[in-house]
C-alpha atoms as a PDB file:
ATOM      1  CA  MET A   1     136.056  93.109 137.431  1.00  0.00           C
ATOM      2  CA  ASN A   2     134.266  96.307 138.459  1.00  0.00           C
ATOM      3  CA  PRO A   3     134.043  99.222 135.989  1.00  0.00           C
ATOM      4  CA  TRP A   4     135.681 102.593 136.680  1.00  0.00           C
ATOM      5  CA  LYS A   5     138.722 102.727 138.979  1.00  0.00           C
ATOM      6  CA  LEU A   6     136.964 103.722 142.180  1.00  0.00           C
ATOM      7  CA  ASN A   7     138.240 103.605 145.735  1.00  0.00           C
ATOM      8  CA  TYR A   8     134.818 102.283 146.705  1.00  0.00           C
ATOM      9  CA  TRP A   9     135.562  98.822 145.309  1.00  0.00           C
ATOM     10  CA  GLN A  10     138.141  98.313 148.082  1.00  0.00           C
ATOM     11  CA  SER A  11     136.010  99.847 150.835  1.00  0.00           C
ATOM     12  CA  GLY A  12     134.304  98.325 153.848  1.00  0.00           C
ATOM     13  CA  GLU A  13     131.004  99.747 152.596  1.00  0.00           C
ATOM     14  CA  TYR A  14     131.208  97.698 149.412  1.00  0.00           C
ATOM     15  CA  GLN A  15     132.062  94.583 151.393  1.00  0.00           C
ATOM     16  CA  ALA A  16     129.063  95.257 153.653  1.00  0.00           C
ATOM     17  CA  ALA A  17     126.771  95.798 150.634  1.00  0.00           C
ATOM     18  CA  ARG A  18     127.817  92.463 149.139  1.00  0.00           C
ATOM     19  CA  GLU A  19     127.301  90.700 152.444  1.00  0.00           C
ATOM     20  CA  LYS A  20     123.810  92.152 152.793  1.00  0.00           C
ATOM     21  CA  MET A  21     122.900  91.030 149.286  1.00  0.00           C
ATOM     22  CA  ASP A  22     124.306  87.590 150.071  1.00  0.00           C
ATOM     23  CA  ASP A  23     122.116  87.490 153.178  1.00  0.00           C
ATOM     24  CA  ASP A  24     119.023  88.465 151.168  1.00  0.00           C
ATOM     25  CA  GLN A  25     119.694  85.755 148.633  1.00  0.00           C
ATOM     26  CA  ALA A  26     120.254  83.189 151.370  1.00  0.00           C
ATOM     27  CA  LYS A  27     116.802  84.103 152.701  1.00  0.00           C
ATOM     28  CA  GLY A  28     115.270  83.437 149.286  1.00  0.00           C
ATOM     29  CA  TYR A  29     115.038  86.991 147.965  1.00  0.00           C
ATOM     30  CA  ARG A  30     116.088  87.789 144.423  1.00  0.00           C
ATOM     31  CA  ILE A  31     118.138  90.913 143.805  1.00  0.00           C
ATOM     32  CA  ASN A  32     117.281  93.435 141.084  1.00  0.00           C
ATOM     33  CA  PRO A  33     119.022  93.796 138.764  1.00  0.00           C
ATOM     34  CA  ASP A  34     120.947  90.567 138.420  1.00  0.00           C
ATOM     35  CA  ARG A  35     124.280  91.087 140.162  1.00  0.00           C
ATOM     36  CA  SER A  36     126.167  90.349 136.939  1.00  0.00           C
ATOM     37  CA  VAL A  37     124.766  93.570 135.369  1.00  0.00           C
ATOM     38  CA  MET A  38     124.358  95.704 138.492  1.00  0.00           C
ATOM     39  CA  PHE A  39     126.938  98.251 137.326  1.00  0.00           C
ATOM     40  CA  ARG A  40     126.163  98.082 133.605  1.00  0.00           C
ATOM     41  CA  ALA A  41     125.606 101.846 133.441  1.00  0.00           C
ATOM     42  CA  LEU A  42     129.244 102.377 134.423  1.00  0.00           C
ATOM     43  CA  SER A  43     130.417  99.838 131.845  1.00  0.00           C
ATOM     44  CA  LEU A  44     128.433 101.497 129.041  1.00  0.00           C
ATOM     45  CA  THR A  45     129.642 105.007 129.860  1.00  0.00           C
ATOM     46  CA  PRO A  46     133.339 105.127 130.804  1.00  0.00           C
ATOM     47  CA  GLU A  47     134.305 107.800 133.313  1.00  0.00           C
ATOM     48  CA  ASP A  48     136.259 109.896 130.809  1.00  0.00           C
ATOM     49  CA  LYS A  49     133.316 109.943 128.360  1.00  0.00           C
ATOM     50  CA  VAL A  50     130.586 111.199 130.724  1.00  0.00           C
ATOM     51  CA  LYS A  51     129.147 114.611 129.919  1.00  0.00           C
ATOM     52  CA  VAL A  52     125.657 114.119 131.388  1.00  0.00           C
ATOM     53  CA  ALA A  53     124.752 112.269 134.603  1.00  0.00           C
ATOM     54  CA  ILE A  54     121.055 111.542 135.200  1.00  0.00           C
ATOM     55  CA  ILE A  55     120.633 110.223 138.741  1.00  0.00           C
ATOM     56  CA  GLY A  56     117.508 108.258 139.641  1.00  0.00           C
ATOM     57  CA  GLN A  57     116.345 106.385 142.738  1.00  0.00           C
ATOM     58  CA  ASP A  58     116.716 102.580 142.572  1.00  0.00           C
ATOM     59  CA  PRO A  59     116.014  99.800 140.039  1.00  0.00           C
ATOM     60  CA  TYR A  60     112.609  98.746 138.795  1.00  0.00           C
ATOM     61  CA  PRO A  61     111.007  96.316 141.265  1.00  0.00           C
ATOM     62  CA  ASN A  62     109.904  94.068 138.374  1.00  0.00           C
ATOM     63  CA  ARG A  63     112.865  91.824 137.613  1.00  0.00           C
ATOM     64  CA  GLU A  64     112.045  91.756 133.891  1.00  0.00           C
ATOM     65  CA  HIS A  65     112.537  95.522 133.743  1.00  0.00           C
ATOM     66  CA  ALA A  66     115.729  95.953 135.804  1.00  0.00           C
ATOM     67  CA  THR A  67     118.845  96.269 133.630  1.00  0.00           C
ATOM     68  CA  GLY A  68     121.527  98.033 135.684  1.00  0.00           C
ATOM     69  CA  VAL A  69     120.851 101.211 133.681  1.00  0.00           C
ATOM     70  CA  ALA A  70     118.526 103.727 135.337  1.00  0.00           C
ATOM     71  CA  PHE A  71     115.105 104.055 133.656  1.00  0.00           C
ATOM     72  CA  SER A  72     116.125 101.745 130.783  1.00  0.00           C
ATOM     73  CA  ILE A  73     114.399  98.414 130.160  1.00  0.00           C
ATOM     74  CA  PRO A  74     115.144  95.554 127.741  1.00  0.00           C
ATOM     75  CA  SER A  75     114.206  96.243 124.133  1.00  0.00           C
ATOM     76  CA  THR A  76     112.069  93.082 124.150  1.00  0.00           C
ATOM     77  CA  ILE A  77     109.451  94.723 126.416  1.00  0.00           C
ATOM     78  CA  PRO A  78     106.573  96.061 124.258  1.00  0.00           C
ATOM     79  CA  PRO A  79     105.236  99.604 124.849  1.00  0.00           C
ATOM     80  CA  ARG A  80     102.004  98.300 126.402  1.00  0.00           C
ATOM     81  CA  GLU A  81     104.144  96.783 129.199  1.00  0.00           C
ATOM     82  CA  PHE A  82     106.348  99.806 129.927  1.00  0.00           C
ATOM     83  CA  PRO A  83     106.490 100.492 133.689  1.00  0.00           C
ATOM     84  CA  PRO A  84     104.648 103.665 134.831  1.00  0.00           C
ATOM     85  CA  THR A  85     107.873 105.538 135.640  1.00  0.00           C
ATOM     86  CA  LEU A  86     109.263 104.904 132.171  1.00  0.00           C
ATOM     87  CA  ARG A  87     105.974 105.980 130.604  1.00  0.00           C
ATOM     88  CA  MET A  88     106.181 109.352 132.357  1.00  0.00           C
ATOM     89  CA  PHE A  89     109.875 109.647 131.526  1.00  0.00           C
ATOM     90  CA  LEU A  90     109.205 109.034 127.845  1.00  0.00           C
ATOM     91  CA  GLN A  91     106.116 111.225 127.777  1.00  0.00           C
ATOM     92  CA  GLU A  92     108.313 114.155 128.796  1.00  0.00           C
ATOM     93  CA  TYR A  93     110.743 113.129 126.058  1.00  0.00           C
ATOM     94  CA  CYS A  94     107.850 113.297 123.573  1.00  0.00           C
ATOM     95  CA  ASP A  95     106.441 116.588 124.877  1.00  0.00           C
ATOM     96  CA  ASP A  96     109.843 118.243 125.113  1.00  0.00           C
ATOM     97  CA  LEU A  97     111.392 117.179 121.808  1.00  0.00           C
ATOM     98  CA  GLY A  98     108.345 116.621 119.621  1.00  0.00           C
ATOM     99  CA  TYR A  99     108.930 112.916 119.120  1.00  0.00           C
ATOM    100  CA  SER A 100     106.379 110.130 119.141  1.00  0.00           C
ATOM    101  CA  MET A 101     106.493 107.433 121.808  1.00  0.00           C
ATOM    102  CA  PRO A 102     109.350 105.050 120.962  1.00  0.00           C
ATOM    103  CA  SER A 103     108.764 101.373 120.321  1.00  0.00           C
ATOM    104  CA  SER A 104     111.602 100.435 122.674  1.00  0.00           C
ATOM    105  CA  GLY A 105     112.365 101.490 126.252  1.00  0.00           C
ATOM    106  CA  ASN A 106     116.045 100.630 125.866  1.00  0.00           C
ATOM    107  CA  LEU A 107     117.954 103.870 126.547  1.00  0.00           C
ATOM    108  CA  GLU A 108     121.463 102.545 126.035  1.00  0.00           C
ATOM    109  CA  SER A 109     122.015 104.616 122.885  1.00  0.00           C
ATOM    110  CA  TRP A 110     122.188 107.634 125.211  1.00  0.00           C
ATOM    111  CA  CYS A 111     124.802 105.945 127.382  1.00  0.00           C
ATOM    112  CA  ARG A 112     127.080 105.478 124.390  1.00  0.00           C
ATOM    113  CA  GLN A 113     126.933 109.241 123.782  1.00  0.00           C
ATOM    114  CA  GLY A 114     128.143 110.071 127.272  1.00  0.00           C
ATOM    115  CA  VAL A 115     124.930 109.967 129.327  1.00  0.00           C
ATOM    116  CA  LEU A 116     125.395 108.140 132.625  1.00  0.00           C
ATOM    117  CA  LEU A 117     122.039 106.696 133.702  1.00  0.00           C
ATOM    118  CA  TRP A 118     122.684 105.849 137.332  1.00  0.00           C
ATOM    119  CA  ASN A 119     120.456 104.854 140.237  1.00  0.00           C
ATOM    120  CA  ALA A 120     121.621 106.357 143.527  1.00  0.00           C
ATOM    121  CA  ILE A 121     120.806 102.998 145.133  1.00  0.00           C
ATOM    122  CA  PRO A 122     121.792 100.393 142.524  1.00  0.00           C
ATOM    123  CA  SER A 123     119.993  97.362 143.977  1.00  0.00           C
ATOM    124  CA  LEU A 124     116.824  96.191 145.732  1.00  0.00           C
ATOM    125  CA  ARG A 125     114.936  93.076 146.708  1.00  0.00           C
ATOM    126  CA  GLU A 126     112.707  92.029 143.842  1.00  0.00           C
ATOM    127  CA  GLY A 127     109.332  93.729 144.256  1.00  0.00           C
ATOM    128  CA  GLN A 128     110.435  95.988 147.137  1.00  0.00           C
ATOM    129  CA  SER A 129     111.376  99.546 146.235  1.00  0.00           C
ATOM    130  CA  LEU A 130     113.994 101.152 148.502  1.00  0.00           C
ATOM    131  CA  SER A 131     114.613  97.845 150.291  1.00  0.00           C
ATOM    132  CA  HIS A 132     118.365  98.444 149.893  1.00  0.00           C
ATOM    133  CA  ASP A 133     118.305 101.994 151.190  1.00  0.00           C
ATOM    134  CA  TRP A 134     119.994 100.487 154.205  1.00  0.00           C
ATOM    135  CA  LEU A 135     120.458 102.292 157.524  1.00  0.00           C
ATOM    136  CA  GLY A 136     124.196 101.970 157.038  1.00  0.00           C
ATOM    137  CA  HIS A 137     123.921 103.729 153.668  1.00  0.00           C
ATOM    138  CA  GLU A 138     126.358 101.224 152.161  1.00  0.00           C
ATOM    139  CA  TRP A 139     125.662 102.448 148.616  1.00  0.00           C
ATOM    140  CA  ASP A 140     125.976 106.161 149.403  1.00  0.00           C
ATOM    141  CA  ASN A 141     129.765 106.286 149.184  1.00  0.00           C
ATOM    142  CA  LEU A 142     129.632 104.720 145.728  1.00  0.00           C
ATOM    143  CA  THR A 143     127.247 107.310 144.321  1.00  0.00           C
ATOM    144  CA  SER A 144     129.086 110.148 146.102  1.00  0.00           C
ATOM    145  CA  GLU A 145     132.433 109.056 144.659  1.00  0.00           C
ATOM    146  CA  ILE A 146     130.969 108.814 141.151  1.00  0.00           C
ATOM    147  CA  ILE A 147     129.651 112.379 141.421  1.00  0.00           C
ATOM    148  CA  GLN A 148     132.888 113.685 142.926  1.00  0.00           C
ATOM    149  CA  ARG A 149     134.868 112.166 140.062  1.00  0.00           C
ATOM    150  CA  LEU A 150     132.682 113.987 137.527  1.00  0.00           C
ATOM    151  CA  ARG A 151     131.981 117.295 139.221  1.00  0.00           C
ATOM    152  CA  THR A 152     135.127 119.184 138.153  1.00  0.00           C
ATOM    153  CA  ARG A 153     134.729 118.382 134.460  1.00  0.00           C
ATOM    154  CA  GLY A 154     131.757 120.560 133.538  1.00  0.00           C
ATOM    155  CA  VAL A 155     129.281 117.681 133.558  1.00  0.00           C
ATOM    156  CA  VAL A 156     125.535 118.405 133.449  1.00  0.00           C
ATOM    157  CA  PHE A 157     123.858 116.683 136.416  1.00  0.00           C
ATOM    158  CA  ALA A 158     120.140 115.928 136.690  1.00  0.00           C
ATOM    159  CA  PHE A 159     118.908 114.676 140.081  1.00  0.00           C
ATOM    160  CA  LEU A 160     115.441 113.170 139.773  1.00  0.00           C
ATOM    161  CA  GLY A 161     113.639 112.709 143.082  1.00  0.00           C
ATOM    162  CA  SER A 162     114.324 113.086 146.790  1.00  0.00           C
ATOM    163  CA  ILE A 163     116.691 110.093 147.001  1.00  0.00           C
ATOM    164  CA  ALA A 164     118.848 111.445 144.188  1.00  0.00           C
ATOM    165  CA  ARG A 165     118.709 114.922 145.695  1.00  0.00           C
ATOM    166  CA  ARG A 166     120.601 113.655 148.760  1.00  0.00           C
ATOM    167  CA  PHE A 167     123.735 113.716 146.642  1.00  0.00           C
ATOM    168  CA  THR A 168     123.600 117.297 145.383  1.00  0.00           C
ATOM    169  CA  PRO A 169     126.108 118.482 148.048  1.00  0.00           C
ATOM    170  CA  ALA A 170     128.726 116.366 146.258  1.00  0.00           C
ATOM    171  CA  VAL A 171     128.469 118.603 143.187  1.00  0.00           C
ATOM    172  CA  ALA A 172     130.650 121.669 142.772  1.00  0.00           C
ATOM    173  CA  GLU A 173     131.385 124.246 140.094  1.00  0.00           C
ATOM    174  CA  PRO A 174     131.700 124.208 137.136  1.00  0.00           C
ATOM    175  CA  SER A 175     129.009 121.535 136.960  1.00  0.00           C
ATOM    176  CA  GLU A 176     125.435 122.379 136.012  1.00  0.00           C
ATOM    177  CA  VAL A 177     122.611 121.025 138.164  1.00  0.00           C
ATOM    178  CA  ILE A 178     118.954 120.269 137.433  1.00  0.00           C
ATOM    179  CA  ILE A 179     116.662 118.999 140.192  1.00  0.00           C
ATOM    180  CA  THR A 180     113.106 117.744 139.654  1.00  0.00           C
ATOM    181  CA  SER A 181     110.775 115.232 141.216  1.00  0.00           C
ATOM    182  CA  HIS A 182     111.162 111.581 140.356  1.00  0.00           C
ATOM    183  CA  PRO A 183     109.472 110.740 137.031  1.00  0.00           C
ATOM    184  CA  SER A 184     106.877 108.473 138.604  1.00  0.00           C
ATOM    185  CA  PRO A 185     103.144 109.118 138.983  1.00  0.00           C
ATOM    186  CA  ARG A 186     103.525 109.472 142.754  1.00  0.00           C
ATOM    187  CA  GLY A 187     106.698 111.558 142.518  1.00  0.00           C
ATOM    188  CA  SER A 188     105.044 114.349 140.539  1.00  0.00           C
ATOM    189  CA  LEU A 189     101.868 114.643 142.594  1.00  0.00           C
ATOM    190  CA  ASN A 190     103.086 116.824 145.460  1.00  0.00           C
ATOM    191  CA  SER A 191     106.181 118.390 143.964  1.00  0.00           C
ATOM    192  CA  LYS A 192     106.806 122.111 143.547  1.00  0.00           C
ATOM    193  CA  ARG A 193     109.026 121.252 140.595  1.00  0.00           C
ATOM    194  CA  PRO A 194     107.526 118.151 138.974  1.00  0.00           C
ATOM    195  CA  PHE A 195     109.389 116.192 136.375  1.00  0.00           C
ATOM    196  CA  VAL A 196     106.423 116.671 134.068  1.00  0.00           C
ATOM    197  CA  GLY A 197     107.018 119.882 132.126  1.00  0.00           C
ATOM    198  CA  SER A 198     110.676 120.136 133.184  1.00  0.00           C
ATOM    199  CA  ARG A 199     111.893 119.949 129.566  1.00  0.00           C
ATOM    200  CA  LEU A 200     114.792 117.885 130.840  1.00  0.00           C
ATOM    201  CA  PHE A 201     116.159 116.804 127.488  1.00  0.00           C
ATOM    202  CA  SER A 202     116.267 120.131 125.646  1.00  0.00           C
ATOM    203  CA  THR A 203     117.538 121.807 128.817  1.00  0.00           C
ATOM    204  CA  ILE A 204     120.441 119.378 129.050  1.00  0.00           C
ATOM    205  CA  ASN A 205     121.316 119.968 125.406  1.00  0.00           C
ATOM    206  CA  ALA A 206     121.145 123.743 125.793  1.00  0.00           C
ATOM    207  CA  LYS A 207     123.621 123.551 128.660  1.00  0.00           C
ATOM    208  CA  LEU A 208     125.914 121.180 126.773  1.00  0.00           C
ATOM    209  CA  VAL A 209     126.068 123.682 123.921  1.00  0.00           C
ATOM    210  CA  GLU A 210     126.881 126.446 126.431  1.00  0.00           C
ATOM    211  CA  LEU A 211     129.721 124.293 127.742  1.00  0.00           C
ATOM    212  CA  GLY A 212     131.047 123.801 124.204  1.00  0.00           C
ATOM    213  CA  LEU A 213     130.039 120.130 124.078  1.00  0.00           C
ATOM    214  CA  GLU A 214     128.101 118.185 121.479  1.00  0.00           C
ATOM    215  CA  PRO A 215     124.391 117.836 122.307  1.00  0.00           C
ATOM    216  CA  ILE A 216     122.829 114.429 122.780  1.00  0.00           C
ATOM    217  CA  ASP A 217     120.852 112.851 119.965  1.00  0.00           C
ATOM    218  CA  TRP A 218     117.953 111.726 122.162  1.00  0.00           C
ATOM    219  CA  ARG A 219     115.968 109.990 119.439  1.00  0.00           C
ATOM    220  CA  LEU A 220     115.049 106.434 120.374  1.00  0.00           C
ATOM    221  CA  ASP A 221     114.096 103.440 118.237  1.00  0.00           C
ATOM    222  CA  GLY A 222     110.651 103.818 116.757  1.00  0.00           C
ATOM    223  CA  SER A 223     110.289 107.547 117.458  1.00  0.00           C
ATOM    224  CA  VAL A 224     109.106 109.874 114.727  1.00  0.00           C
ATOM    225  CA  SER A 225     109.481 113.649 114.913  1.00  0.00           C
ATOM    226  CA  THR A 226     106.385 115.614 113.955  1.00  0.00           C
ATOM    227  CA  LYS A 227     108.657 118.500 112.975  1.00  0.00           C
ATOM    228  CA  ASP A 228     110.705 116.227 110.737  1.00  0.00           C
ATOM    229  CA  LEU A 229     107.574 114.916 109.041  1.00  0.00           C
ATOM    230  CA  SER A 230     106.340 118.458 108.424  1.00  0.00           C
ATOM    231  CA  ARG A 231     109.660 119.474 106.925  1.00  0.00           C
ATOM    232  CA  ALA A 232     109.756 116.394 104.722  1.00  0.00           C
ATOM    233  CA  ASN A 233     106.216 117.013 103.482  1.00  0.00           C
ATOM    234  CA  LEU A 234     106.929 120.676 102.746  1.00  0.00           C
ATOM    235  CA  ALA A 235     110.308 120.185 101.159  1.00  0.00           C
ATOM    236  CA  GLY A 236     109.632 116.879  99.450  1.00  0.00           C
ATOM    237  CA  SER A 237     113.058 115.754 100.567  1.00  0.00           C
ATOM    238  CA  ARG A 238     114.685 113.514 103.122  1.00  0.00           C
ATOM    239  CA  VAL A 239     113.797 113.673 106.808  1.00  0.00           C
ATOM    240  CA  LEU A 240     116.107 115.910 108.824  1.00  0.00           C
ATOM    241  CA  PRO A 241     116.829 114.780 112.377  1.00  0.00           C
ATOM    242  CA  ASN A 242     115.887 117.081 115.222  1.00  0.00           C
ATOM    243  CA  ILE A 243     118.919 116.321 117.388  1.00  0.00           C
ATOM    244  CA  THR A 244     119.238 119.143 119.884  1.00  0.00           C
ATOM    245  CA  GLY A 245     115.706 120.344 120.376  1.00  0.00           C
ATOM    246  CA  ALA A 246     117.135 123.806 119.625  1.00  0.00           C
ATOM    247  CA  ASP A 247     114.296 124.624 117.251  1.00  0.00           C
ATOM    248  CA  LEU A 248     111.682 124.051 119.941  1.00  0.00           C
ATOM    249  CA  PRO A 249     109.696 127.156 120.968  1.00  0.00           C
ATOM    250  CA  GLY A 250     111.029 127.236 124.511  1.00  0.00           C
ATOM    251  CA  LEU A 251     114.593 127.637 123.325  1.00  0.00           C
ATOM    252  CA  LYS A 252     113.659 130.630 121.196  1.00  0.00           C
ATOM    253  CA  GLY A 253     112.273 132.668 124.033  1.00  0.00           C
ATOM    254  CA  LYS A 254     108.588 131.778 123.939  1.00  0.00           C
ATOM    255  CA  ALA A 255     108.716 129.645 127.042  1.00  0.00           C
ATOM    256  CA  GLY A 256     112.067 129.408 128.753  1.00  0.00           C
ATOM    257  CA  PRO A 257     113.238 125.905 129.582  1.00  0.00           C
ATOM    258  CA  ASN A 258     114.382 124.770 133.009  1.00  0.00           C
ATOM    259  CA  LEU A 259     117.945 125.946 132.523  1.00  0.00           C
ATOM    260  CA  ALA A 260     120.411 123.879 134.443  1.00  0.00           C
ATOM    261  CA  SER A 261     122.106 126.886 136.018  1.00  0.00           C
ATOM    262  CA  SER A 262     119.125 126.959 138.354  1.00  0.00           C
ATOM    263  CA  SER A 263     118.435 124.470 141.130  1.00  0.00           C
ATOM    264  CA  PHE A 264     114.846 123.335 141.432  1.00  0.00           C
ATOM    265  CA  GLU A 265     113.405 122.374 144.802  1.00  0.00           C
ATOM    266  CA  LEU A 266     110.871 119.628 145.368  1.00  0.00           C
END
């Protein structure tokens, strides 16, 4: 049974997408992620709970990394084996929020707080990025319908990369939109608005607060906050979690964050 009650599940485009994946498998290709978890991001974050939608490109080409949740990998993968895109993604998390690199690349704790981590193209042939960006655009109606369902509810959208940016026309007020390059080494090289330095996480939380919503507790397993350690050492008391990033310099006027009311061009 497919998650979310979408018209797409009864569409000809979905039938065509399944047939194309069947054809790939008949030819000996493996599909990333496994088809049983392809829509896991939707299962983890029900439609009525979404308050942030981070839209990426397509799954990791390494089958061991692909989970059905954009940017997230299994918690069994050690930091030394994190894929390059995840390393850049998490480095921004560290630089923005003042946390150390987490010991796990599993991002599902965010999903359970209302963060939809969705790849605009939710499948590929193992080892072949964008191999399912088909000429018929069979996945486009799925991603467009997801965005259209969310756009009238004041959701904060972040479109990361040129593939994700194709879907920005589906967004309407009162949604907030952030656009950066894809968080991959190649994606940031020639971008006018690179993901690196975008302060994505504190920016999202600032906009959630403006919308009257609870900010996301971004802290991941194994992360330590340098600010928390300093406070604990000074106060001699328990560690206080830095949840919103609201005490970071950029949110106090020293260096304005990439506020989501602006659209950033690649």
